[in-house]
């Protein structure tokens, strides 16, 4: 009888964890609710950030890989000013634009964070994938922060690492 109770308890814990993770999938950025009323950003300081990401990495040799789930974190580090994200483009290993996440400029309120999730089954990016973000701010004291966390929880092995974006100038 105790074994049956333990099995039921473990099953309930597992199912409750699974439903929580399903809820988290709905927490990706709702771009429509963030649409900026500002169209012309000529009076703003504009910047561009490069963020490296990896949809897989090689393990042991080039024919064995770990597929990775990528979480892109876009953070407004200002305590007073909004940040405007003008573009969020995803490029693959050979530099081809495979996805554009924004159709219009969006804003992040002070200290707000939004995320882009790329599932481990999505192999379009490859081992040398990257994002280019165009952004605008009213002052250059606190430009936005772009980070990515890649994870791969396979069986007993787990892998996690992160990258940080760098501002680029053209």
Protein backbone atom coordinates (compact mmCIF):
# COMPACT_ATOMS: atom_id res chain seq x y z
CA UNK A 1 0.00 0.00 0.00
CA UNK A 2 2.82 2.41 0.82
CA UNK A 3 4.41 1.76 -2.56
CA UNK A 4 1.15 2.64 -4.32
CA UNK A 5 0.85 5.89 -2.34
CA UNK A 6 4.46 6.78 -3.18
CA UNK A 7 3.86 6.11 -6.88
CA UNK A 8 0.70 8.24 -6.87
CA UNK A 9 2.51 11.05 -5.03
CA UNK A 10 5.47 11.01 -7.45
CA UNK A 11 3.08 10.96 -10.41
CA UNK A 12 1.18 13.97 -9.08
CA UNK A 13 4.40 15.91 -8.49
CA UNK A 14 5.60 15.09 -12.01
CA UNK A 15 2.30 16.11 -13.61
CA UNK A 16 2.12 19.37 -11.66
CA UNK A 17 5.65 20.28 -12.76
CA UNK A 18 4.78 19.48 -16.34
CA UNK A 19 1.71 21.72 -16.35
CA UNK A 20 3.76 24.58 -14.86
CA UNK A 21 6.28 24.33 -17.69
CA UNK A 22 3.43 24.35 -20.21
CA UNK A 23 2.20 27.62 -18.69
CA UNK A 24 5.68 29.12 -19.08
CA UNK A 25 5.58 28.61 -22.85
CA UNK A 26 2.87 31.28 -22.99
CA UNK A 27 5.16 33.84 -21.34
CA UNK A 28 7.08 34.72 -24.48
CA UNK A 29 6.93 38.34 -25.49
CA UNK A 30 3.56 39.65 -26.59
CA UNK A 31 4.90 42.03 -29.23
CA UNK A 32 1.47 43.44 -30.15
CA UNK A 33 0.88 44.82 -26.65
CA UNK A 34 4.32 46.48 -26.78
CA UNK A 35 3.85 48.27 -30.08
CA UNK A 36 5.40 51.72 -29.88
CA UNK A 37 3.34 54.83 -30.59
CA UNK A 38 6.58 56.48 -31.71
CA UNK A 39 7.34 55.93 -35.38
CA UNK A 40 10.21 58.32 -36.02
CA UNK A 41 13.30 57.71 -33.86
CA UNK A 42 15.53 60.37 -35.46
CA UNK A 43 15.72 62.34 -32.20
CA UNK A 44 16.77 59.21 -30.26
CA UNK A 45 20.19 57.64 -29.81
CA UNK A 46 20.17 54.51 -31.92
CA UNK A 47 22.34 51.45 -31.55
CA UNK A 48 22.90 47.95 -32.82
CA UNK A 49 23.81 44.85 -30.80
CA UNK A 50 25.23 41.50 -31.95
CA UNK A 51 24.29 38.45 -29.84
CA UNK A 52 25.83 35.02 -30.55
CA UNK A 53 23.59 31.99 -29.94
CA UNK A 54 23.92 28.26 -30.57
CA UNK A 55 21.06 25.97 -31.61
CA UNK A 56 23.45 23.04 -31.15
CA UNK A 57 27.06 22.38 -30.18
CA UNK A 58 29.35 19.54 -31.07
CA UNK A 59 30.05 16.69 -28.67
CA UNK A 60 33.04 14.34 -29.05
CA UNK A 61 33.20 14.82 -32.86
CA UNK A 62 31.46 16.75 -35.64
CA UNK A 63 28.80 14.07 -36.16
CA UNK A 64 27.45 14.13 -32.61
CA UNK A 65 25.69 17.21 -31.28
CA UNK A 66 23.72 18.47 -28.32
CA UNK A 67 20.57 20.31 -29.41
CA UNK A 68 20.03 23.41 -27.29
CA UNK A 69 17.03 25.42 -26.15
CA UNK A 70 17.86 29.11 -26.44
CA UNK A 71 16.41 31.82 -24.22
CA UNK A 72 17.10 35.33 -25.48
CA UNK A 73 16.75 37.91 -22.74
CA UNK A 74 16.19 41.54 -23.74
CA UNK A 75 16.57 43.76 -20.67
CA UNK A 76 15.94 47.42 -20.06
CA UNK A 77 18.49 48.28 -17.38
CA UNK A 78 17.28 51.87 -16.98
CA UNK A 79 15.32 52.69 -13.84
CA UNK A 80 13.63 55.70 -15.48
CA UNK A 81 13.54 55.49 -19.28
CA UNK A 82 11.93 53.17 -21.81
CA UNK A 83 13.96 51.30 -24.41
CA UNK A 84 12.72 50.80 -27.94
CA UNK A 85 13.60 47.67 -29.90
CA UNK A 86 13.39 48.42 -33.61
CA UNK A 87 14.56 45.06 -35.05
CA UNK A 88 15.25 41.55 -33.76
CA UNK A 89 16.63 39.46 -36.62
CA UNK A 90 17.86 35.86 -36.34
CA UNK A 91 20.72 34.73 -38.63
CA UNK A 92 22.09 31.25 -39.24
CA UNK A 93 25.71 30.06 -39.31
CA UNK A 94 26.29 31.25 -42.88
CA UNK A 95 24.78 34.70 -42.22
CA UNK A 96 21.37 34.22 -43.84
CA UNK A 97 18.47 35.98 -42.10
CA UNK A 98 16.13 33.12 -41.16
CA UNK A 99 13.61 34.99 -39.00
CA UNK A 100 12.51 38.52 -38.17
CA UNK A 101 10.80 38.77 -34.80
CA UNK A 102 9.47 42.33 -35.08
CA UNK A 103 7.16 43.92 -37.64
CA UNK A 104 7.19 47.30 -35.84
CA UNK A 105 9.12 49.01 -33.03
CA UNK A 106 8.28 47.86 -29.50
CA UNK A 107 9.05 49.34 -26.08
CA UNK A 108 10.26 47.99 -22.76
CA UNK A 109 9.37 49.89 -19.62
CA UNK A 110 12.09 50.68 -17.05
CA UNK A 111 13.64 47.49 -15.62
CA UNK A 112 11.43 45.30 -17.82
CA UNK A 113 12.64 42.12 -19.52
CA UNK A 114 11.18 40.24 -22.50
CA UNK A 115 12.28 36.89 -23.86
CA UNK A 116 12.50 35.05 -27.13
CA UNK A 117 12.56 31.25 -26.87
CA UNK A 118 13.98 29.03 -29.60
CA UNK A 119 13.17 25.37 -29.00
CA UNK A 120 15.80 22.66 -29.18
CA UNK A 121 14.02 21.16 -32.22
CA UNK A 122 14.58 24.39 -34.18
CA UNK A 123 17.84 23.77 -36.05
CA UNK A 124 17.69 26.72 -38.50
CA UNK A 125 20.37 28.71 -36.71
CA UNK A 126 23.11 26.14 -36.35
CA UNK A 127 26.24 26.27 -34.23
CA UNK A 128 27.11 29.78 -35.38
CA UNK A 129 23.70 31.46 -35.16
CA UNK A 130 23.29 35.05 -34.03
CA UNK A 131 20.87 37.90 -33.52
CA UNK A 132 21.17 41.51 -34.59
CA UNK A 133 19.07 43.94 -32.56
CA UNK A 134 18.45 47.57 -33.53
CA UNK A 135 17.36 49.74 -30.62
CA UNK A 136 16.76 53.34 -29.59
CA UNK A 137 17.02 55.21 -26.27
CA UNK A 138 16.51 58.80 -25.20
CA UNK A 139 19.95 58.93 -23.56
CA UNK A 140 22.95 56.64 -23.85
CA UNK A 141 23.55 56.18 -20.10
CA UNK A 142 21.85 52.77 -19.95
CA UNK A 143 21.67 50.96 -23.29
CA UNK A 144 19.66 47.71 -23.29
CA UNK A 145 21.29 44.44 -22.27
CA UNK A 146 21.00 41.38 -24.51
CA UNK A 147 21.88 37.92 -23.17
CA UNK A 148 21.21 34.36 -24.22
CA UNK A 149 21.12 31.21 -22.13
CA UNK A 150 21.46 27.88 -23.88
CA UNK A 151 20.51 24.63 -22.11
CA UNK A 152 20.48 20.96 -22.96
CA UNK A 153 19.16 18.61 -20.26
CA UNK A 154 19.80 15.15 -21.73
CA UNK A 155 19.41 12.10 -19.48
CA UNK A 156 21.99 12.31 -16.70
CA UNK A 157 24.02 14.93 -18.55
CA UNK A 158 23.18 18.60 -18.52
CA UNK A 159 24.71 21.55 -20.23
CA UNK A 160 24.09 25.27 -19.76
CA UNK A 161 26.00 28.37 -20.76
CA UNK A 162 25.31 31.96 -21.68
CA UNK A 163 26.49 34.68 -24.03
CA UNK A 164 26.18 38.45 -23.85
CA UNK A 165 25.57 40.86 -26.68
CA UNK A 166 28.12 43.40 -27.85
CA UNK A 167 27.34 46.78 -29.35
CA UNK A 168 28.44 47.04 -32.95
CA UNK A 169 29.02 50.10 -35.10
CA UNK A 170 28.67 50.31 -38.85
